[in-house]
Amino acid sequence: QRGENSWRVECEGSRHQGRRIVIATGSSPRAGGFRESDRVGIGPGL
């Protein structure tokens, strides 16, 4: 959330403030309606 002169970040169990915020949350494999199981893998790697 934007404050008057800073940004507030609410987390589970903690709160933080920053003069600037960087969103670097990346990406995740697209599931396309499928569910991971013992016969279905979604995305590369593990």
All heavy atoms as atom14 arrays in JSON, in Angstrom:
{
  "sequence": "QRGENSWRVECEGSRHQGRRIVIATGSSPRAGGFRESDRVGIGPGL",
  "atom14_mask": [
    [1, 1, 1, 1, 1, 1, 1, 1, 1, 0, 0, 0, 0, 0],
    [1, 1, 1, 1, 1, 1, 1, 1, 1, 1, 1, 0, 0, 0],
    [1, 1, 1, 1, 0, 0, 0, 0, 0, 0, 0, 0, 0, 0],
    [1, 1, 1, 1, 1, 1, 1, 1, 1, 0, 0, 0, 0, 0],
    [1, 1, 1, 1, 1, 1, 1, 1, 0, 0, 0, 0, 0, 0],
    [1, 1, 1, 1, 1, 1, 0, 0, 0, 0, 0, 0, 0, 0],
    [1, 1, 1, 1, 1, 1, 1, 1, 1, 1, 1, 1, 1, 1],
    [1, 1, 1, 1, 1, 1, 1, 1, 1, 1, 1, 0, 0, 0],
    [1, 1, 1, 1, 1, 1, 1, 0, 0, 0, 0, 0, 0, 0],
    [1, 1, 1, 1, 1, 1, 1, 1, 1, 0, 0, 0, 0, 0],
    [1, 1, 1, 1, 1, 1, 0, 0, 0, 0, 0, 0, 0, 0],
    [1, 1, 1, 1, 1, 1, 1, 1, 1, 0, 0, 0, 0, 0],
    [1, 1, 1, 1, 0, 0, 0, 0, 0, 0, 0, 0, 0, 0],
    [1, 1, 1, 1, 1, 1, 0, 0, 0, 0, 0, 0, 0, 0],
    [1, 1, 1, 1, 1, 1, 1, 1, 1, 1, 1, 0, 0, 0],
    [1, 1, 1, 1, 1, 1, 1, 1, 1, 1, 0, 0, 0, 0],
    [1, 1, 1, 1, 1, 1, 1, 1, 1, 0, 0, 0, 0, 0],
    [1, 1, 1, 1, 0, 0, 0, 0, 0, 0, 0, 0, 0, 0],
    [1, 1, 1, 1, 1, 1, 1, 1, 1, 1, 1, 0, 0, 0],
    [1, 1, 1, 1, 1, 1, 1, 1, 1, 1, 1, 0, 0, 0],
    [1, 1, 1, 1, 1, 1, 1, 1, 0, 0, 0, 0, 0, 0],
    [1, 1, 1, 1, 1, 1, 1, 0, 0, 0, 0, 0, 0, 0],
    [1, 1, 1, 1, 1, 1, 1, 1, 0, 0, 0, 0, 0, 0],
    [1, 1, 1, 1, 1, 0, 0, 0, 0, 0, 0, 0, 0, 0],
    [1, 1, 1, 1, 1, 1, 1, 0, 0, 0, 0, 0, 0, 0],
    [1, 1, 1, 1, 0, 0, 0, 0, 0, 0, 0, 0, 0, 0],
    [1, 1, 1, 1, 1, 1, 0, 0, 0, 0, 0, 0, 0, 0],
    [1, 1, 1, 1, 1, 1, 0, 0, 0, 0, 0, 0, 0, 0],
    [1, 1, 1, 1, 1, 1, 1, 0, 0, 0, 0, 0, 0, 0],
    [1, 1, 1, 1, 1, 1, 1, 1, 1, 1, 1, 0, 0, 0],
    [1, 1, 1, 1, 1, 0, 0, 0, 0, 0, 0, 0, 0, 0],
    [1, 1, 1, 1, 0, 0, 0, 0, 0, 0, 0, 0, 0, 0],
    [1, 1, 1, 1, 0, 0, 0, 0, 0, 0, 0, 0, 0, 0],
    [1, 1, 1, 1, 1, 1, 1, 1, 1, 1, 1, 0, 0, 0],
    [1, 1, 1, 1, 1, 1, 1, 1, 1, 1, 1, 0, 0, 0],
    [1, 1, 1, 1, 1, 1, 1, 1, 1, 0, 0, 0, 0, 0],
    [1, 1, 1, 1, 1, 1, 0, 0, 0, 0, 0, 0, 0, 0],
    [1, 1, 1, 1, 1, 1, 1, 1, 0, 0, 0, 0, 0, 0],
    [1, 1, 1, 1, 1, 1, 1, 1, 1, 1, 1, 0, 0, 0],
    [1, 1, 1, 1, 1, 1, 1, 0, 0, 0, 0, 0, 0, 0],
    [1, 1, 1, 1, 0, 0, 0, 0, 0, 0, 0, 0, 0, 0],
    [1, 1, 1, 1, 1, 1, 1, 1, 0, 0, 0, 0, 0, 0],
    [1, 1, 1, 1, 0, 0, 0, 0, 0, 0, 0, 0, 0, 0],
    [1, 1, 1, 1, 1, 1, 1, 0, 0, 0, 0, 0, 0, 0],
    [1, 1, 1, 1, 0, 0, 0, 0, 0, 0, 0, 0, 0, 0],
    [1, 1, 1, 1, 1, 1, 1, 1, 0, 0, 0, 0, 0, 0]
  ],
  "atom14_positions": [
    [[0.83, -1.2, 0.0], [0.0, 0.0, 0.0], [0.87, 1.25, 0.0], [1.92, 1.3, 0.66], [-0.92, 0.02, 1.22], [-1.85, -1.17, 1.31], [-2.62, -1.21, 2.62], [-2.28, -0.5, 3.56], [-3.65, -2.03, 2.67], [0.0, 0.0, 0.0], [0.0, 0.0, 0.0], [0.0, 0.0, 0.0], [0.0, 0.0, 0.0], [0.0, 0.0, 0.0]],
    [[0.4, 2.26, -0.73], [1.09, 3.53, -0.78], [0.74, 4.38, 0.42], [-0.44, 4.58, 0.72], [0.7, 4.26, -2.08], [1.27, 5.67, -2.22], [2.77, 5.65, -2.42], [3.29, 7.01, -2.58], [4.58, 7.32, -2.54], [5.48, 6.38, -2.33], [4.98, 8.56, -2.72], [0.0, 0.0, 0.0], [0.0, 0.0, 0.0], [0.0, 0.0, 0.0]],
    [[1.76, 4.86, 1.16], [1.55, 5.8, 2.24], [1.82, 7.22, 1.79], [1.95, 7.49, 0.59], [0.0, 0.0, 0.0], [0.0, 0.0, 0.0], [0.0, 0.0, 0.0], [0.0, 0.0, 0.0], [0.0, 0.0, 0.0], [0.0, 0.0, 0.0], [0.0, 0.0, 0.0], [0.0, 0.0, 0.0], [0.0, 0.0, 0.0], [0.0, 0.0, 0.0]],
    [[1.91, 8.12, 2.74], [2.12, 9.52, 2.38], [3.48, 9.76, 1.76], [3.62, 10.42, 0.73], [1.93, 10.41, 3.61], [1.98, 11.9, 3.3], [1.65, 12.75, 4.5], [1.11, 12.2, 5.5], [1.92, 13.96, 4.46], [0.0, 0.0, 0.0], [0.0, 0.0, 0.0], [0.0, 0.0, 0.0], [0.0, 0.0, 0.0], [0.0, 0.0, 0.0]],
    [[4.52, 9.2, 2.39], [5.88, 9.39, 1.88], [6.63, 8.07, 1.75], [7.86, 8.07, 1.62], [6.67, 10.33, 2.8], [6.09, 11.73, 2.82], [5.92, 12.34, 1.77], [5.77, 12.22, 4.02], [0.0, 0.0, 0.0], [0.0, 0.0, 0.0], [0.0, 0.0, 0.0], [0.0, 0.0, 0.0], [0.0, 0.0, 0.0], [0.0, 0.0, 0.0]],
    [[5.92, 6.98, 1.81], [6.57, 5.67, 1.76], [5.57, 4.62, 1.33], [4.39, 4.91, 1.09], [7.17, 5.3, 3.12], [6.14, 5.14, 4.08], [0.0, 0.0, 0.0], [0.0, 0.0, 0.0], [0.0, 0.0, 0.0], [0.0, 0.0, 0.0], [0.0, 0.0, 0.0], [0.0, 0.0, 0.0], [0.0, 0.0, 0.0], [0.0, 0.0, 0.0]],
    [[6.03, 3.39, 1.26], [5.18, 2.25, 0.95], [5.13, 1.32, 2.14], [6.13, 1.12, 2.83], [5.73, 1.5, -0.27], [5.52, 2.22, -1.57], [6.3, 3.22, -2.09], [4.47, 2.01, -2.51], [5.8, 3.63, -3.29], [4.68, 2.91, -3.58], [3.38, 1.14, -2.56], [3.84, 2.96, -4.68], [2.54, 1.2, -3.65], [2.76, 2.1, -4.7]],
    [[3.95, 0.75, 2.4], [3.78, -0.23, 3.48], [3.6, -1.62, 2.87], [2.81, -1.8, 1.93], [2.58, 0.12, 4.34], [2.69, 1.42, 5.08], [1.55, 1.57, 6.1], [0.25, 1.47, 5.44], [-0.39, 2.51, 4.9], [0.18, 3.7, 4.9], [-1.57, 2.35, 4.35], [0.0, 0.0, 0.0], [0.0, 0.0, 0.0], [0.0, 0.0, 0.0]],
    [[4.3, -2.58, 3.43], [4.2, -3.97, 3.0], [3.7, -4.79, 4.17], [4.39, -4.92, 5.19], [5.56, -4.51, 2.5], [5.42, -5.94, 2.0], [6.13, -3.62, 1.4], [0.0, 0.0, 0.0], [0.0, 0.0, 0.0], [0.0, 0.0, 0.0], [0.0, 0.0, 0.0], [0.0, 0.0, 0.0], [0.0, 0.0, 0.0], [0.0, 0.0, 0.0]],
    [[2.51, -5.32, 4.01], [1.91, -6.17, 5.05], [2.2, -7.63, 4.73], [1.91, -8.1, 3.63], [0.4, -5.94, 5.12], [-0.03, -4.51, 5.44], [0.11, -4.2, 6.92], [0.3, -5.17, 7.71], [0.02, -3.02, 7.28], [0.0, 0.0, 0.0], [0.0, 0.0, 0.0], [0.0, 0.0, 0.0], [0.0, 0.0, 0.0], [0.0, 0.0, 0.0]],
    [[2.75, -8.34, 5.71], [3.05, -9.76, 5.55], [2.33, -10.55, 6.64], [1.72, -9.98, 7.55], [4.56, -10.0, 5.66], [5.55, -9.03, 4.51], [0.0, 0.0, 0.0], [0.0, 0.0, 0.0], [0.0, 0.0, 0.0], [0.0, 0.0, 0.0], [0.0, 0.0, 0.0], [0.0, 0.0, 0.0], [0.0, 0.0, 0.0], [0.0, 0.0, 0.0]],
    [[2.41, -11.85, 6.53], [1.84, -12.7, 7.57], [2.71, -12.58, 8.82], [3.79, -13.14, 8.89], [1.79, -14.16, 7.08], [0.88, -14.37, 5.88], [0.95, -15.79, 5.34], [1.78, -16.58, 5.85], [0.2, -16.1, 4.41], [0.0, 0.0, 0.0], [0.0, 0.0, 0.0], [0.0, 0.0, 0.0], [0.0, 0.0, 0.0], [0.0, 0.0, 0.0]],
    [[2.25, -11.81, 9.79], [2.98, -11.68, 11.04], [3.97, -10.54, 11.11], [4.67, -10.4, 12.13], [0.0, 0.0, 0.0], [0.0, 0.0, 0.0], [0.0, 0.0, 0.0], [0.0, 0.0, 0.0], [0.0, 0.0, 0.0], [0.0, 0.0, 0.0], [0.0, 0.0, 0.0], [0.0, 0.0, 0.0], [0.0, 0.0, 0.0], [0.0, 0.0, 0.0]],
    [[4.08, -9.72, 10.08], [5.03, -8.61, 10.13], [4.58, -7.5, 9.18], [3.78, -7.71, 8.27], [6.45, -9.07, 9.78], [6.49, -9.58, 8.46], [0.0, 0.0, 0.0], [0.0, 0.0, 0.0], [0.0, 0.0, 0.0], [0.0, 0.0, 0.0], [0.0, 0.0, 0.0], [0.0, 0.0, 0.0], [0.0, 0.0, 0.0], [0.0, 0.0, 0.0]],
    [[5.11, -6.3, 9.43], [4.83, -5.14, 8.6], [6.12, -4.39, 8.35], [6.96, -4.27, 9.25], [3.83, -4.22, 9.31], [3.54, -2.91, 8.59], [2.63, -2.02, 9.41], [1.32, -2.63, 9.57], [0.36, -2.09, 10.33], [0.59, -0.98, 11.01], [-0.81, -2.69, 10.43], [0.0, 0.0, 0.0], [0.0, 0.0, 0.0], [0.0, 0.0, 0.0]],
    [[6.31, -3.9, 7.13], [7.56, -3.24, 6.76], [7.27, -1.99, 5.95], [6.24, -1.89, 5.28], [8.45, -4.19, 5.94], [8.61, -5.53, 6.59], [9.5, -5.77, 7.61], [7.94, -6.7, 6.39], [9.4, -7.03, 8.0], [8.46, -7.61, 7.27], [0.0, 0.0, 0.0], [0.0, 0.0, 0.0], [0.0, 0.0, 0.0], [0.0, 0.0, 0.0]],
    [[8.18, -1.02, 6.03], [8.05, 0.22, 5.27], [9.3, 0.44, 4.43], [10.41, 0.1, 4.85], [7.85, 1.41, 6.2], [6.44, 1.57, 6.75], [6.29, 2.85, 7.51], [6.87, 3.02, 8.57], [5.49, 3.76, 6.96], [0.0, 0.0, 0.0], [0.0, 0.0, 0.0], [0.0, 0.0, 0.0], [0.0, 0.0, 0.0], [0.0, 0.0, 0.0]],
    [[9.1, 1.03, 3.26], [10.22, 1.36, 2.4], [9.95, 2.64, 1.64], [8.81, 2.91, 1.25], [0.0, 0.0, 0.0], [0.0, 0.0, 0.0], [0.0, 0.0, 0.0], [0.0, 0.0, 0.0], [0.0, 0.0, 0.0], [0.0, 0.0, 0.0], [0.0, 0.0, 0.0], [0.0, 0.0, 0.0], [0.0, 0.0, 0.0], [0.0, 0.0, 0.0]],
    [[11.0, 3.43, 1.47], [10.85, 4.64, 0.66], [10.57, 4.26, -0.8], [9.9, 4.99, -1.52], [12.11, 5.49, 0.77], [12.38, 5.98, 2.19], [13.77, 6.57, 2.32], [13.92, 7.78, 1.51], [15.1, 8.33, 1.23], [16.23, 7.74, 1.65], [15.17, 9.44, 0.53], [0.0, 0.0, 0.0], [0.0, 0.0, 0.0], [0.0, 0.0, 0.0]],
    [[11.09, 3.13, -1.2], [10.84, 2.61, -2.54], [10.56, 1.11, -2.42], [11.05, 0.44, -1.5], [12.03, 2.84, -3.48], [12.42, 4.3, -3.68], [11.34, 5.08, -4.4], [11.73, 6.47, -4.64], [11.48, 7.48, -3.81], [10.85, 7.24, -2.65], [11.84, 8.72, -4.1], [0.0, 0.0, 0.0], [0.0, 0.0, 0.0], [0.0, 0.0, 0.0]],
    [[9.79, 0.59, -3.37], [9.45, -0.83, -3.4], [9.86, -1.39, -4.75], [9.67, -0.75, -5.79], [7.93, -1.05, -3.21], [7.48, -0.57, -1.84], [7.56, -2.52, -3.4], [7.96, -1.42, -0.7], [0.0, 0.0, 0.0], [0.0, 0.0, 0.0], [0.0, 0.0, 0.0], [0.0, 0.0, 0.0], [0.0, 0.0, 0.0], [0.0, 0.0, 0.0]],
    [[10.4, -2.61, -4.75], [10.7, -3.32, -5.99], [9.92, -4.63, -6.01], [10.06, -5.47, -5.1], [12.21, -3.62, -6.14], [12.47, -4.37, -7.44], [13.02, -2.34, -6.1], [0.0, 0.0, 0.0], [0.0, 0.0, 0.0], [0.0, 0.0, 0.0], [0.0, 0.0, 0.0], [0.0, 0.0, 0.0], [0.0, 0.0, 0.0], [0.0, 0.0, 0.0]],
    [[9.09, -4.81, -7.02], [8.38, -6.07, -7.22], [9.27, -6.97, -8.08], [9.56, -6.66, -9.24], [7.03, -5.85, -7.94], [6.17, -4.84, -7.18], [6.3, -7.17, -8.11], [5.77, -5.27, -5.81], [0.0, 0.0, 0.0], [0.0, 0.0, 0.0], [0.0, 0.0, 0.0], [0.0, 0.0, 0.0], [0.0, 0.0, 0.0], [0.0, 0.0, 0.0]],
    [[9.73, -8.06, -7.51], [10.59, -9.0, -8.23], [10.09, -10.42, -7.98], [10.85, -11.32, -7.63], [12.05, -8.84, -7.79], [0.0, 0.0, 0.0], [0.0, 0.0, 0.0], [0.0, 0.0, 0.0], [0.0, 0.0, 0.0], [0.0, 0.0, 0.0], [0.0, 0.0, 0.0], [0.0, 0.0, 0.0], [0.0, 0.0, 0.0], [0.0, 0.0, 0.0]],
    [[8.79, -10.6, -8.18], [8.13, -11.86, -7.81], [8.21, -12.93, -8.9], [7.7, -14.03, -8.72], [6.66, -11.58, -7.46], [6.11, -10.67, -8.41], [6.56, -10.95, -6.08], [0.0, 0.0, 0.0], [0.0, 0.0, 0.0], [0.0, 0.0, 0.0], [0.0, 0.0, 0.0], [0.0, 0.0, 0.0], [0.0, 0.0, 0.0], [0.0, 0.0, 0.0]],
    [[8.83, -12.61, -10.03], [9.12, -13.63, -11.03], [7.89, -14.21, -11.71], [6.86, -13.57, -11.85], [0.0, 0.0, 0.0], [0.0, 0.0, 0.0], [0.0, 0.0, 0.0], [0.0, 0.0, 0.0], [0.0, 0.0, 0.0], [0.0, 0.0, 0.0], [0.0, 0.0, 0.0], [0.0, 0.0, 0.0], [0.0, 0.0, 0.0], [0.0, 0.0, 0.0]],
    [[8.04, -15.45, -12.13], [6.97, -16.13, -12.87], [6.89, -17.59, -12.43], [7.79, -18.1, -11.76], [7.23, -16.05, -14.38], [8.46, -16.68, -14.71], [0.0, 0.0, 0.0], [0.0, 0.0, 0.0], [0.0, 0.0, 0.0], [0.0, 0.0, 0.0], [0.0, 0.0, 0.0], [0.0, 0.0, 0.0], [0.0, 0.0, 0.0], [0.0, 0.0, 0.0]],
    [[5.8, -18.24, -12.82], [5.57, -19.65, -12.5], [5.12, -20.39, -13.75], [4.52, -19.78, -14.65], [4.5, -19.79, -11.42], [4.9, -19.17, -10.22], [0.0, 0.0, 0.0], [0.0, 0.0, 0.0], [0.0, 0.0, 0.0], [0.0, 0.0, 0.0], [0.0, 0.0, 0.0], [0.0, 0.0, 0.0], [0.0, 0.0, 0.0], [0.0, 0.0, 0.0]],
    [[5.36, -21.7, -13.83], [4.89, -22.45, -15.0], [3.37, -22.38, -15.16], [2.64, -22.47, -14.17], [5.35, -23.89, -14.69], [6.47, -23.74, -13.73], [6.13, -22.54, -12.89], [0.0, 0.0, 0.0], [0.0, 0.0, 0.0], [0.0, 0.0, 0.0], [0.0, 0.0, 0.0], [0.0, 0.0, 0.0], [0.0, 0.0, 0.0], [0.0, 0.0, 0.0]],
    [[2.92, -22.2, -16.39], [1.47, -22.2, -16.67], [0.93, -23.62, -16.54], [1.46, -24.55, -17.13], [1.21, -21.68, -18.08], [1.56, -20.22, -18.3], [1.18, -19.79, -19.7], [1.68, -18.46, -20.01], [1.05, -17.33, -19.68], [-0.1, -17.39, -19.04], [1.58, -16.16, -19.99], [0.0, 0.0, 0.0], [0.0, 0.0, 0.0], [0.0, 0.0, 0.0]],
    [[-0.15, -23.76, -15.8], [-0.75, -25.08, -15.6], [-1.72, -25.44, -16.71], [-1.93, -26.63, -16.99], [-1.44, -25.15, -14.25], [0.0, 0.0, 0.0], [0.0, 0.0, 0.0], [0.0, 0.0, 0.0], [0.0, 0.0, 0.0], [0.0, 0.0, 0.0], [0.0, 0.0, 0.0], [0.0, 0.0, 0.0], [0.0, 0.0, 0.0], [0.0, 0.0, 0.0]],
    [[-2.34, -24.45, -17.33], [-3.27, -24.72, -18.42], [-4.44, -25.6, -18.03], [-4.96, -26.35, -18.87], [0.0, 0.0, 0.0], [0.0, 0.0, 0.0], [0.0, 0.0, 0.0], [0.0, 0.0, 0.0], [0.0, 0.0, 0.0], [0.0, 0.0, 0.0], [0.0, 0.0, 0.0], [0.0, 0.0, 0.0], [0.0, 0.0, 0.0], [0.0, 0.0, 0.0]],
    [[-4.86, -25.54, -16.77], [-5.98, -26.35, -16.31], [-5.6, -27.73, -15.8], [-6.45, -28.47, -15.3], [0.0, 0.0, 0.0], [0.0, 0.0, 0.0], [0.0, 0.0, 0.0], [0.0, 0.0, 0.0], [0.0, 0.0, 0.0], [0.0, 0.0, 0.0], [0.0, 0.0, 0.0], [0.0, 0.0, 0.0], [0.0, 0.0, 0.0], [0.0, 0.0, 0.0]],
    [[-4.32, -28.11, -15.89], [-3.87, -29.41, -15.4], [-3.46, -29.3, -13.93], [-3.18, -28.22, -13.42], [-2.69, -29.91, -16.23], [-3.05, -30.28, -17.64], [-3.01, -29.32, -18.64], [-3.44, -31.56, -17.96], [-3.36, -29.63, -19.95], [-3.8, -31.89, -19.26], [-3.76, -30.92, -20.26], [0.0, 0.0, 0.0], [0.0, 0.0, 0.0], [0.0, 0.0, 0.0]],
    [[-3.43, -30.43, -13.24], [-3.02, -30.51, -11.85], [-1.83, -31.43, -11.73], [-1.8, -32.51, -12.33], [-4.17, -31.03, -10.97], [-5.44, -30.2, -11.05], [-6.58, -30.87, -10.29], [-6.78, -32.27, -10.68], [-7.41, -32.64, -11.79], [-7.89, -31.73, -12.63], [-7.56, -33.92, -12.07], [0.0, 0.0, 0.0], [0.0, 0.0, 0.0], [0.0, 0.0, 0.0]],
    [[-0.86, -31.02, -10.94], [0.32, -31.85, -10.73], [-0.07, -33.12, -9.99], [-0.89, -33.09, -9.06], [1.36, -31.07, -9.94], [2.78, -31.45, -10.28], [3.78, -30.4, -9.84], [3.79, -30.08, -8.64], [4.54, -29.93, -10.69], [0.0, 0.0, 0.0], [0.0, 0.0, 0.0], [0.0, 0.0, 0.0], [0.0, 0.0, 0.0], [0.0, 0.0, 0.0]],
    [[0.49, -34.25, -10.4], [0.2, -35.52, -9.76], [1.38, -36.45, -9.99], [2.43, -36.04, -10.48], [-1.08, -36.13, -10.36], [-0.83, -36.62, -11.67], [0.0, 0.0, 0.0], [0.0, 0.0, 0.0], [0.0, 0.0, 0.0], [0.0, 0.0, 0.0], [0.0, 0.0, 0.0], [0.0, 0.0, 0.0], [0.0, 0.0, 0.0], [0.0, 0.0, 0.0]],
    [[1.19, -37.74, -9.63], [2.28, -38.69, -9.84], [2.41, -39.09, -11.31], [3.3, -39.85, -11.67], [2.1, -39.95, -8.97], [0.78, -40.66, -9.26], [-0.04, -40.15, -10.06], [0.56, -41.74, -8.67], [0.0, 0.0, 0.0], [0.0, 0.0, 0.0], [0.0, 0.0, 0.0], [0.0, 0.0, 0.0], [0.0, 0.0, 0.0], [0.0, 0.0, 0.0]],
    [[1.52, -38.55, -12.16], [1.61, -38.82, -13.59], [1.67, -37.55, -14.43], [1.82, -37.64, -15.66], [0.41, -39.66, -14.05], [0.36, -41.05, -13.43], [-0.61, -41.95, -14.17], [-1.99, -41.5, -14.02], [-3.02, -42.03, -14.67], [-2.83, -43.0, -15.53], [-4.25, -41.59, -14.47], [0.0, 0.0, 0.0], [0.0, 0.0, 0.0], [0.0, 0.0, 0.0]],
    [[1.59, -36.39, -13.78], [1.58, -35.12, -14.5], [2.6, -34.17, -13.89], [2.55, -33.88, -12.68], [0.18, -34.47, -14.48], [0.21, -33.11, -15.17], [-0.84, -35.39, -15.15], [0.0, 0.0, 0.0], [0.0, 0.0, 0.0], [0.0, 0.0, 0.0], [0.0, 0.0, 0.0], [0.0, 0.0, 0.0], [0.0, 0.0, 0.0], [0.0, 0.0, 0.0]],
    [[3.51, -33.7, -14.71], [4.47, -32.68, -14.3], [4.13, -31.37, -14.98], [3.76, -31.36, -16.16], [0.0, 0.0, 0.0], [0.0, 0.0, 0.0], [0.0, 0.0, 0.0], [0.0, 0.0, 0.0], [0.0, 0.0, 0.0], [0.0, 0.0, 0.0], [0.0, 0.0, 0.0], [0.0, 0.0, 0.0], [0.0, 0.0, 0.0], [0.0, 0.0, 0.0]],
    [[4.24, -30.26, -14.26], [3.94, -28.94, -14.8], [5.19, -28.09, -14.73], [5.7, -27.81, -13.64], [2.78, -28.27, -14.05], [1.51, -29.12, -14.2], [2.55, -26.85, -14.55], [0.33, -28.62, -13.39], [0.0, 0.0, 0.0], [0.0, 0.0, 0.0], [0.0, 0.0, 0.0], [0.0, 0.0, 0.0], [0.0, 0.0, 0.0], [0.0, 0.0, 0.0]],
    [[5.68, -27.7, -15.89], [6.92, -26.94, -15.95], [8.13, -27.84, -15.94], [8.03, -29.05, -15.68], [0.0, 0.0, 0.0], [0.0, 0.0, 0.0], [0.0, 0.0, 0.0], [0.0, 0.0, 0.0], [0.0, 0.0, 0.0], [0.0, 0.0, 0.0], [0.0, 0.0, 0.0], [0.0, 0.0, 0.0], [0.0, 0.0, 0.0], [0.0, 0.0, 0.0]],
    [[9.3, -27.26, -16.26], [10.54, -28.06, -16.32], [11.11, -28.32, -14.94], [10.61, -27.83, -13.93], [11.46, -27.16, -17.13], [11.02, -25.77, -16.76], [9.52, -25.85, -16.6], [0.0, 0.0, 0.0], [0.0, 0.0, 0.0], [0.0, 0.0, 0.0], [0.0, 0.0, 0.0], [0.0, 0.0, 0.0], [0.0, 0.0, 0.0], [0.0, 0.0, 0.0]],
    [[12.18, -29.11, -14.9], [12.92, -29.3, -13.66], [12.35, -30.38, -12.77], [11.92, -31.45, -13.22], [0.0, 0.0, 0.0], [0.0, 0.0, 0.0], [0.0, 0.0, 0.0], [0.0, 0.0, 0.0], [0.0, 0.0, 0.0], [0.0, 0.0, 0.0], [0.0, 0.0, 0.0], [0.0, 0.0, 0.0], [0.0, 0.0, 0.0], [0.0, 0.0, 0.0]],
    [[12.33, -30.1, -11.46], [11.97, -31.11, -10.47], [10.58, -31.7, -10.7], [10.35, -32.87, -10.41], [12.04, -30.51, -9.07], [13.43, -30.13, -8.55], [13.33, -29.55, -7.16], [14.35, -31.35, -8.54], [0.0, 0.0, 0.0], [0.0, 0.0, 0.0], [0.0, 0.0, 0.0], [0.0, 0.0, 0.0], [0.0, 0.0, 0.0], [0.0, 0.0, 0.0]]
  ]
}
